[in-house]
Amino acid sequence: MDRLITLAQEHDPYAEAIEGLTAAGWSVACEDGLWEITGSFGNPLPVVAKAAERLGRHHADGVLVRARSKNRWAFMAWSDPYLVLLNPPARVWFTYQVRPPATPESRFSGGDLSAVPGRVSSAPLQKGPPEALMKILAETGLTYPELVSRLFTLNT
């Protein structure tokens, strides 16, 4: 069994992260650089943080993740040490610095943004993407208009 897991990880570096997320009862998919985590959860913040941290271990240039439940979602772009968050209904980009030993998962596990340290900026969605998000988008090949369109289209 260990040999099979090792082989799977060699061929798919995300296998372990995906297995951990699906074990929690969530669906995991990636399309054009945007990871989608869907399932039944009340607060998407801890879910998107856990997914961003675990999937981000294999994305040296950053990872884009949205966690979506029936009527709530949250989006994170994570590229150590910067994390960019969009948490509707607020239409505001929040940028955080997350330095070790802290991780996205440890910072956002409580699901309460008012208690999360390390915020370095915030900007309304209509002002465009924060610099940290632009760098990750450049690496993934996804444009800012494409990202926003996908995030606000519920059936994607």
N, C-alpha and C. Protein backbone atom coordinates (compact mmCIF):
# COMPACT_ATOMS: atom_id res chain seq x y z
N MET A 1 0.82 -1.19 0.00
CA MET A 1 0.00 0.00 0.00
C MET A 1 0.87 1.27 0.00
N ASP A 2 1.91 1.32 0.84
CA ASP A 2 2.79 2.48 0.87
C ASP A 2 3.43 2.72 -0.49
N ARG A 3 3.78 1.64 -1.17
CA ARG A 3 4.39 1.74 -2.49
C ARG A 3 3.41 2.37 -3.48
N LEU A 4 2.13 1.99 -3.39
CA LEU A 4 1.12 2.57 -4.27
C LEU A 4 0.95 4.06 -4.01
N ILE A 5 0.95 4.45 -2.75
CA ILE A 5 0.82 5.87 -2.40
C ILE A 5 2.02 6.65 -2.93
N THR A 6 3.21 6.08 -2.78
CA THR A 6 4.42 6.74 -3.28
C THR A 6 4.36 6.91 -4.80
N LEU A 7 3.94 5.85 -5.48
CA LEU A 7 3.81 5.94 -6.94
C LEU A 7 2.78 6.99 -7.34
N ALA A 8 1.65 7.03 -6.65
CA ALA A 8 0.61 8.01 -6.96
C ALA A 8 1.13 9.42 -6.76
N GLN A 9 1.89 9.64 -5.71
CA GLN A 9 2.42 10.97 -5.44
C GLN A 9 3.47 11.38 -6.47
N GLU A 10 4.22 10.41 -6.97
CA GLU A 10 5.21 10.72 -8.00
C GLU A 10 4.52 11.17 -9.28
N HIS A 11 3.39 10.56 -9.59
CA HIS A 11 2.67 10.91 -10.81
C HIS A 11 1.71 12.07 -10.60
N ASP A 12 1.22 12.23 -9.40
CA ASP A 12 0.30 13.32 -9.07
C ASP A 12 0.69 13.90 -7.72
N PRO A 13 1.43 15.00 -7.74
CA PRO A 13 1.88 15.58 -6.47
C PRO A 13 0.74 16.07 -5.58
N TYR A 14 -0.46 16.19 -6.14
CA TYR A 14 -1.61 16.66 -5.37
C TYR A 14 -2.38 15.53 -4.73
N ALA A 15 -2.01 14.27 -5.01
CA ALA A 15 -2.78 13.11 -4.55
C ALA A 15 -3.04 13.14 -3.05
N GLU A 16 -2.02 13.41 -2.27
CA GLU A 16 -2.18 13.41 -0.81
C GLU A 16 -3.10 14.54 -0.35
N ALA A 17 -2.92 15.74 -0.92
CA ALA A 17 -3.77 16.87 -0.55
C ALA A 17 -5.22 16.61 -0.94
N ILE A 18 -5.43 16.09 -2.14
CA ILE A 18 -6.78 15.80 -2.61
C ILE A 18 -7.42 14.73 -1.74
N GLU A 19 -6.65 13.71 -1.40
CA GLU A 19 -7.18 12.63 -0.55
C GLU A 19 -7.63 13.19 0.80
N GLY A 20 -6.84 14.07 1.39
CA GLY A 20 -7.20 14.66 2.68
C GLY A 20 -8.46 15.51 2.59
N LEU A 21 -8.62 16.24 1.50
CA LEU A 21 -9.80 17.09 1.33
C LEU A 21 -11.05 16.26 1.03
N THR A 22 -10.90 15.24 0.21
CA THR A 22 -12.07 14.39 -0.10
C THR A 22 -12.46 13.55 1.11
N ALA A 23 -11.48 13.20 1.96
CA ALA A 23 -11.80 12.45 3.19
C ALA A 23 -12.70 13.26 4.11
N ALA A 24 -12.64 14.58 4.00
CA ALA A 24 -13.49 15.46 4.80
C ALA A 24 -14.90 15.56 4.20
N GLY A 25 -15.10 14.90 3.05
CA GLY A 25 -16.42 14.90 2.42
C GLY A 25 -16.60 15.97 1.37
N TRP A 26 -15.50 16.55 0.91
CA TRP A 26 -15.58 17.63 -0.08
C TRP A 26 -15.15 17.12 -1.45
N SER A 27 -15.68 17.74 -2.50
CA SER A 27 -15.26 17.45 -3.87
C SER A 27 -14.14 18.40 -4.23
N VAL A 28 -13.18 17.90 -5.00
CA VAL A 28 -12.02 18.70 -5.40
C VAL A 28 -11.86 18.61 -6.90
N ALA A 29 -11.75 19.77 -7.56
CA ALA A 29 -11.52 19.80 -9.00
C ALA A 29 -10.64 21.00 -9.33
N CYS A 30 -9.90 20.89 -10.43
CA CYS A 30 -9.08 22.01 -10.88
C CYS A 30 -9.33 22.22 -12.36
N GLU A 31 -9.64 23.47 -12.71
CA GLU A 31 -9.86 23.81 -14.11
C GLU A 31 -9.14 25.11 -14.42
N ASP A 32 -8.24 25.06 -15.38
CA ASP A 32 -7.50 26.25 -15.82
C ASP A 32 -6.86 27.01 -14.68
N GLY A 33 -6.27 26.28 -13.74
CA GLY A 33 -5.53 26.92 -12.66
C GLY A 33 -6.34 27.31 -11.44
N LEU A 34 -7.66 27.13 -11.47
CA LEU A 34 -8.50 27.47 -10.31
C LEU A 34 -9.02 26.19 -9.68
N TRP A 35 -8.62 25.94 -8.44
CA TRP A 35 -9.09 24.79 -7.69
C TRP A 35 -10.45 25.10 -7.10
N GLU A 36 -11.37 24.16 -7.21
CA GLU A 36 -12.72 24.31 -6.66
C GLU A 36 -12.94 23.23 -5.61
N ILE A 37 -13.27 23.65 -4.40
CA ILE A 37 -13.60 22.73 -3.32
C ILE A 37 -15.09 22.94 -3.03
N THR A 38 -15.89 21.90 -3.17
CA THR A 38 -17.32 22.04 -2.91
C THR A 38 -17.75 21.00 -1.89
N GLY A 39 -18.77 21.36 -1.12
CA GLY A 39 -19.27 20.44 -0.11
C GLY A 39 -20.27 21.12 0.80
N SER A 40 -20.62 20.42 1.84
CA SER A 40 -21.56 20.95 2.83
C SER A 40 -20.76 21.47 4.02
N PHE A 41 -20.63 22.76 4.10
CA PHE A 41 -19.97 23.40 5.24
C PHE A 41 -20.60 24.77 5.42
N GLY A 42 -20.66 25.21 6.67
CA GLY A 42 -21.28 26.50 6.96
C GLY A 42 -20.41 27.67 6.59
N ASN A 43 -19.16 27.63 7.01
CA ASN A 43 -18.24 28.74 6.78
C ASN A 43 -17.14 28.29 5.83
N PRO A 44 -17.05 28.89 4.65
CA PRO A 44 -16.04 28.47 3.68
C PRO A 44 -14.61 28.91 4.01
N LEU A 45 -14.43 29.85 4.95
CA LEU A 45 -13.08 30.36 5.25
C LEU A 45 -12.09 29.28 5.71
N PRO A 46 -12.42 28.49 6.73
CA PRO A 46 -11.47 27.46 7.15
C PRO A 46 -11.21 26.42 6.05
N VAL A 47 -12.22 26.14 5.24
CA VAL A 47 -12.09 25.15 4.16
C VAL A 47 -11.15 25.67 3.07
N VAL A 48 -11.37 26.90 2.63
CA VAL A 48 -10.52 27.44 1.56
C VAL A 48 -9.08 27.61 2.06
N ALA A 49 -8.91 27.95 3.33
CA ALA A 49 -7.55 28.10 3.89
C ALA A 49 -6.83 26.76 3.95
N LYS A 50 -7.53 25.73 4.39
CA LYS A 50 -6.93 24.39 4.45
C LYS A 50 -6.54 23.93 3.05
N ALA A 51 -7.44 24.12 2.08
CA ALA A 51 -7.15 23.70 0.70
C ALA A 51 -6.00 24.50 0.10
N ALA A 52 -6.00 25.82 0.32
CA ALA A 52 -4.93 26.67 -0.24
C ALA A 52 -3.57 26.27 0.32
N GLU A 53 -3.52 26.00 1.62
CA GLU A 53 -2.25 25.61 2.22
C GLU A 53 -1.76 24.28 1.66
N ARG A 54 -2.64 23.29 1.65
CA ARG A 54 -2.23 21.95 1.24
C ARG A 54 -1.92 21.85 -0.24
N LEU A 55 -2.75 22.46 -1.08
CA LEU A 55 -2.50 22.44 -2.52
C LEU A 55 -1.33 23.35 -2.87
N GLY A 56 -1.17 24.43 -2.11
CA GLY A 56 -0.09 25.39 -2.36
C GLY A 56 1.31 24.83 -2.14
N ARG A 57 1.40 23.75 -1.38
CA ARG A 57 2.71 23.12 -1.17
C ARG A 57 3.32 22.64 -2.48
N HIS A 58 2.47 22.43 -3.48
CA HIS A 58 2.93 21.91 -4.77
C HIS A 58 2.88 22.96 -5.87
N HIS A 59 2.60 24.19 -5.51
CA HIS A 59 2.54 25.31 -6.46
C HIS A 59 3.54 26.36 -5.99
N ALA A 60 4.76 26.26 -6.43
CA ALA A 60 5.78 27.22 -5.99
C ALA A 60 5.42 28.65 -6.36
N ASP A 61 4.66 28.83 -7.45
CA ASP A 61 4.32 30.17 -7.93
C ASP A 61 2.96 30.65 -7.44
N GLY A 62 2.32 29.87 -6.58
CA GLY A 62 1.04 30.28 -6.02
C GLY A 62 -0.10 29.39 -6.47
N VAL A 63 -1.18 29.45 -5.69
CA VAL A 63 -2.36 28.62 -5.95
C VAL A 63 -3.61 29.47 -5.82
N LEU A 64 -4.62 29.17 -6.64
CA LEU A 64 -5.91 29.85 -6.61
C LEU A 64 -6.95 28.82 -6.19
N VAL A 65 -7.72 29.12 -5.14
CA VAL A 65 -8.68 28.15 -4.61
C VAL A 65 -9.98 28.86 -4.22
N ARG A 66 -11.10 28.23 -4.61
CA ARG A 66 -12.40 28.69 -4.13
C ARG A 66 -13.07 27.53 -3.40
N ALA A 67 -13.61 27.80 -2.23
CA ALA A 67 -14.39 26.81 -1.49
C ALA A 67 -15.84 27.28 -1.56
N ARG A 68 -16.72 26.36 -1.94
CA ARG A 68 -18.11 26.72 -2.19
C ARG A 68 -19.04 25.70 -1.55
N SER A 69 -19.97 26.20 -0.73
CA SER A 69 -21.03 25.36 -0.21
C SER A 69 -22.32 25.82 -0.90
N LYS A 70 -23.44 25.40 -0.39
CA LYS A 70 -24.70 25.68 -1.08
C LYS A 70 -24.89 27.15 -1.43
N ASN A 71 -24.71 28.03 -0.48
CA ASN A 71 -24.97 29.45 -0.77
C ASN A 71 -23.87 30.39 -0.28
N ARG A 72 -22.71 29.86 0.03
CA ARG A 72 -21.58 30.69 0.46
C ARG A 72 -20.30 30.22 -0.21
N TRP A 73 -19.39 31.16 -0.45
CA TRP A 73 -18.08 30.78 -0.98
C TRP A 73 -17.03 31.79 -0.51
N ALA A 74 -15.78 31.36 -0.62
CA ALA A 74 -14.64 32.23 -0.33
C ALA A 74 -13.53 31.85 -1.31
N PHE A 75 -12.70 32.82 -1.65
CA PHE A 75 -11.60 32.61 -2.59
C PHE A 75 -10.29 33.03 -1.93
N MET A 76 -9.24 32.23 -2.14
CA MET A 76 -7.89 32.59 -1.69
C MET A 76 -6.89 32.37 -2.81
N ALA A 77 -5.97 33.30 -2.88
CA ALA A 77 -4.78 33.16 -3.71
C ALA A 77 -3.62 33.14 -2.72
N TRP A 78 -2.81 32.08 -2.75
CA TRP A 78 -1.75 31.92 -1.76
C TRP A 78 -0.42 31.70 -2.45
N SER A 79 0.53 32.57 -2.16
CA SER A 79 1.91 32.42 -2.61
C SER A 79 2.77 32.96 -1.48
N ASP A 80 3.36 32.05 -0.74
CA ASP A 80 4.11 32.37 0.46
C ASP A 80 5.00 33.59 0.25
N PRO A 81 4.90 34.65 1.07
CA PRO A 81 4.13 34.81 2.30
C PRO A 81 2.79 35.54 2.11
N TYR A 82 2.39 35.79 0.85
CA TYR A 82 1.18 36.60 0.65
C TYR A 82 -0.05 35.75 0.37
N LEU A 83 -1.14 36.18 1.00
CA LEU A 83 -2.43 35.53 0.83
C LEU A 83 -3.44 36.62 0.50
N VAL A 84 -4.20 36.41 -0.58
CA VAL A 84 -5.23 37.37 -0.98
C VAL A 84 -6.57 36.67 -0.82
N LEU A 85 -7.51 37.34 -0.16
CA LEU A 85 -8.80 36.75 0.17
C LEU A 85 -9.94 37.59 -0.38
N LEU A 86 -10.95 36.90 -0.92
CA LEU A 86 -12.22 37.52 -1.27
C LEU A 86 -13.28 36.69 -0.58
N ASN A 87 -14.07 37.33 0.30
CA ASN A 87 -15.04 36.61 1.12
C ASN A 87 -16.41 37.29 1.02
N PRO A 88 -17.19 36.95 -0.04
CA PRO A 88 -18.50 37.57 -0.20
C PRO A 88 -19.39 37.34 1.02
N PRO A 89 -20.32 38.26 1.29
CA PRO A 89 -20.82 39.27 0.36
C PRO A 89 -19.93 40.51 0.23
N ALA A 90 -18.91 40.65 1.07
CA ALA A 90 -18.00 41.79 0.92
C ALA A 90 -17.31 41.69 -0.45
N ARG A 91 -17.26 42.80 -1.16
CA ARG A 91 -16.60 42.83 -2.46
C ARG A 91 -15.28 43.59 -2.30
N VAL A 92 -14.44 43.02 -1.42
CA VAL A 92 -13.18 43.64 -1.03
C VAL A 92 -12.08 42.59 -1.07
N TRP A 93 -10.95 42.94 -1.69
CA TRP A 93 -9.76 42.09 -1.64
C TRP A 93 -9.01 42.41 -0.35
N PHE A 94 -8.72 41.39 0.43
CA PHE A 94 -7.89 41.56 1.62
C PHE A 94 -6.57 40.85 1.36
N THR A 95 -5.47 41.53 1.61
CA THR A 95 -4.15 40.93 1.45
C THR A 95 -3.52 40.77 2.82
N TYR A 96 -3.01 39.57 3.08
CA TYR A 96 -2.37 39.24 4.36
C TYR A 96 -0.95 38.78 4.10
N GLN A 97 -0.12 38.97 5.10
CA GLN A 97 1.21 38.36 5.13
C GLN A 97 1.15 37.24 6.16
N VAL A 98 1.50 36.04 5.71
CA VAL A 98 1.46 34.87 6.60
C VAL A 98 2.87 34.31 6.65
N ARG A 99 3.53 34.53 7.77
CA ARG A 99 4.92 34.08 7.91
C ARG A 99 4.99 32.93 8.90
N PRO A 100 5.90 31.97 8.64
CA PRO A 100 6.07 30.83 9.56
C PRO A 100 6.34 31.32 10.97
N PRO A 101 5.85 30.63 11.96
CA PRO A 101 5.24 29.29 11.90
C PRO A 101 3.76 29.31 11.52
N ALA A 102 3.18 30.51 11.31
CA ALA A 102 1.77 30.57 10.92
C ALA A 102 1.60 30.01 9.50
N THR A 103 0.40 29.52 9.23
CA THR A 103 0.04 28.99 7.91
C THR A 103 -1.34 29.54 7.57
N PRO A 104 -1.76 29.46 6.30
CA PRO A 104 -3.13 29.88 6.00
C PRO A 104 -4.15 29.13 6.86
N GLU A 105 -3.94 27.82 7.01
CA GLU A 105 -4.88 27.02 7.79
C GLU A 105 -4.94 27.49 9.25
N SER A 106 -3.77 27.74 9.85
CA SER A 106 -3.78 28.16 11.26
C SER A 106 -4.37 29.56 11.42
N ARG A 107 -4.12 30.43 10.47
CA ARG A 107 -4.64 31.80 10.57
C ARG A 107 -6.15 31.89 10.42
N PHE A 108 -6.72 31.07 9.54
CA PHE A 108 -8.13 31.22 9.21
C PHE A 108 -9.01 30.09 9.76
N SER A 109 -8.46 29.23 10.60
CA SER A 109 -9.21 28.07 11.10
C SER A 109 -10.44 28.47 11.91
N GLY A 110 -10.40 29.63 12.55
CA GLY A 110 -11.54 30.08 13.35
C GLY A 110 -12.68 30.62 12.51
N GLY A 111 -12.40 30.99 11.27
CA GLY A 111 -13.43 31.49 10.38
C GLY A 111 -13.88 32.91 10.65
N ASP A 112 -13.19 33.63 11.54
CA ASP A 112 -13.56 34.99 11.90
C ASP A 112 -12.46 35.94 11.42
N LEU A 113 -12.75 36.74 10.40
CA LEU A 113 -11.74 37.63 9.84
C LEU A 113 -11.25 38.69 10.82
N SER A 114 -12.09 39.12 11.74
CA SER A 114 -11.67 40.17 12.67
C SER A 114 -10.55 39.70 13.59
N ALA A 115 -10.39 38.39 13.74
CA ALA A 115 -9.36 37.86 14.63
C ALA A 115 -8.07 37.47 13.90
N VAL A 116 -8.02 37.66 12.57
CA VAL A 116 -6.86 37.21 11.79
C VAL A 116 -5.81 38.32 11.73
N PRO A 117 -4.60 38.06 12.25
CA PRO A 117 -3.53 39.06 12.19
C PRO A 117 -2.85 39.04 10.81
N GLY A 118 -2.09 40.07 10.55
CA GLY A 118 -1.24 40.09 9.36
C GLY A 118 -1.83 40.76 8.14
N ARG A 119 -3.00 41.41 8.27
CA ARG A 119 -3.56 42.07 7.08
C ARG A 119 -2.70 43.28 6.73
N VAL A 120 -2.31 43.35 5.46
CA VAL A 120 -1.45 44.45 5.02
C VAL A 120 -2.19 45.45 4.14
N SER A 121 -3.32 45.03 3.54
CA SER A 121 -4.08 45.98 2.74
C SER A 121 -5.48 45.43 2.45
N SER A 122 -6.34 46.35 2.02
CA SER A 122 -7.66 45.97 1.54
C SER A 122 -8.02 46.95 0.44
N ALA A 123 -8.77 46.45 -0.55
CA ALA A 123 -9.16 47.30 -1.68
C ALA A 123 -10.46 46.78 -2.26
N PRO A 124 -11.36 47.70 -2.64
CA PRO A 124 -12.62 47.27 -3.25
C PRO A 124 -12.35 46.48 -4.53
N LEU A 125 -13.20 45.53 -4.79
CA LEU A 125 -13.09 44.67 -5.98
C LEU A 125 -12.97 45.50 -7.26
N GLN A 126 -13.75 46.57 -7.37
CA GLN A 126 -13.75 47.37 -8.60
C GLN A 126 -12.44 48.10 -8.86
N LYS A 127 -11.58 48.20 -7.84
CA LYS A 127 -10.28 48.85 -8.04
C LYS A 127 -9.27 47.95 -8.73
N GLY A 128 -9.63 46.70 -8.92
CA GLY A 128 -8.72 45.77 -9.59
C GLY A 128 -7.97 44.92 -8.59
N PRO A 129 -7.13 44.03 -9.13
CA PRO A 129 -6.47 43.05 -8.27
C PRO A 129 -5.29 43.63 -7.49
N PRO A 130 -5.09 43.14 -6.28
CA PRO A 130 -3.89 43.50 -5.53
C PRO A 130 -2.66 42.94 -6.25
N GLU A 131 -1.52 43.54 -5.98
CA GLU A 131 -0.27 43.12 -6.63
C GLU A 131 0.04 41.65 -6.41
N ALA A 132 -0.18 41.16 -5.19
CA ALA A 132 0.11 39.75 -4.89
C ALA A 132 -0.74 38.82 -5.76
N LEU A 133 -1.99 39.19 -6.01
CA LEU A 133 -2.86 38.38 -6.86
C LEU A 133 -2.41 38.45 -8.31
N MET A 134 -2.00 39.61 -8.77
CA MET A 134 -1.52 39.76 -10.16
C MET A 134 -0.34 38.83 -10.44
N LYS A 135 0.57 38.71 -9.47
CA LYS A 135 1.74 37.83 -9.65
C LYS A 135 1.31 36.38 -9.81
N ILE A 136 0.35 35.93 -9.00
CA ILE A 136 -0.12 34.54 -9.09
C ILE A 136 -0.86 34.33 -10.40
N LEU A 137 -1.70 35.28 -10.79
CA LEU A 137 -2.44 35.15 -12.05
C LEU A 137 -1.48 35.07 -13.23
N ALA A 138 -0.40 35.84 -13.19
CA ALA A 138 0.58 35.80 -14.28
C ALA A 138 1.19 34.40 -14.41
N GLU A 139 1.40 33.75 -13.27
CA GLU A 139 1.99 32.40 -13.29
C GLU A 139 0.99 31.35 -13.76
N THR A 140 -0.29 31.53 -13.43
CA THR A 140 -1.29 30.51 -13.79
C THR A 140 -1.80 30.69 -15.21
N GLY A 141 -1.65 31.90 -15.76
CA GLY A 141 -2.14 32.16 -17.10
C GLY A 141 -3.61 32.57 -17.12
N LEU A 142 -4.21 32.71 -15.96
CA LEU A 142 -5.60 33.14 -15.86
C LEU A 142 -5.61 34.67 -15.77
N THR A 143 -6.47 35.33 -16.55
CA THR A 143 -6.53 36.79 -16.48
C THR A 143 -7.46 37.22 -15.34
N TYR A 144 -7.29 38.45 -14.91
CA TYR A 144 -8.13 38.97 -13.84
C TYR A 144 -9.62 38.97 -14.23
N PRO A 145 -9.98 39.46 -15.44
CA PRO A 145 -11.40 39.39 -15.81
C PRO A 145 -11.94 37.96 -15.84
N GLU A 146 -11.14 37.01 -16.31
CA GLU A 146 -11.58 35.60 -16.32
C GLU A 146 -11.83 35.11 -14.90
N LEU A 147 -10.90 35.44 -13.99
CA LEU A 147 -11.04 35.00 -12.61
C LEU A 147 -12.33 35.56 -11.99
N VAL A 148 -12.53 36.85 -12.11
CA VAL A 148 -13.71 37.48 -11.51
C VAL A 148 -14.99 36.91 -12.12
N SER A 149 -14.99 36.71 -13.42
CA SER A 149 -16.15 36.12 -14.08
C SER A 149 -16.44 34.72 -13.54
N ARG A 150 -15.42 33.91 -13.39
CA ARG A 150 -15.61 32.55 -12.87
C ARG A 150 -16.06 32.57 -11.41
N LEU A 151 -15.51 33.46 -10.62
CA LEU A 151 -15.89 33.51 -9.21
C LEU A 151 -17.35 33.92 -9.03
N PHE A 152 -17.83 34.82 -9.87
CA PHE A 152 -19.19 35.32 -9.68
C PHE A 152 -20.22 34.63 -10.57
N THR A 153 -19.81 33.60 -11.28
CA THR A 153 -20.75 32.75 -12.02
C THR A 153 -20.96 31.53 -11.18
N LEU A 154 -22.14 31.35 -10.63
CA LEU A 154 -22.39 30.30 -9.66
C LEU A 154 -22.29 28.89 -10.24
N ASN A 155 -22.49 28.70 -11.52
CA ASN A 155 -22.51 27.36 -12.08
C ASN A 155 -21.15 26.87 -12.55
N THR A 156 -20.07 27.59 -12.26
CA THR A 156 -18.76 27.13 -12.71
C THR A 156 -18.21 26.10 -11.76
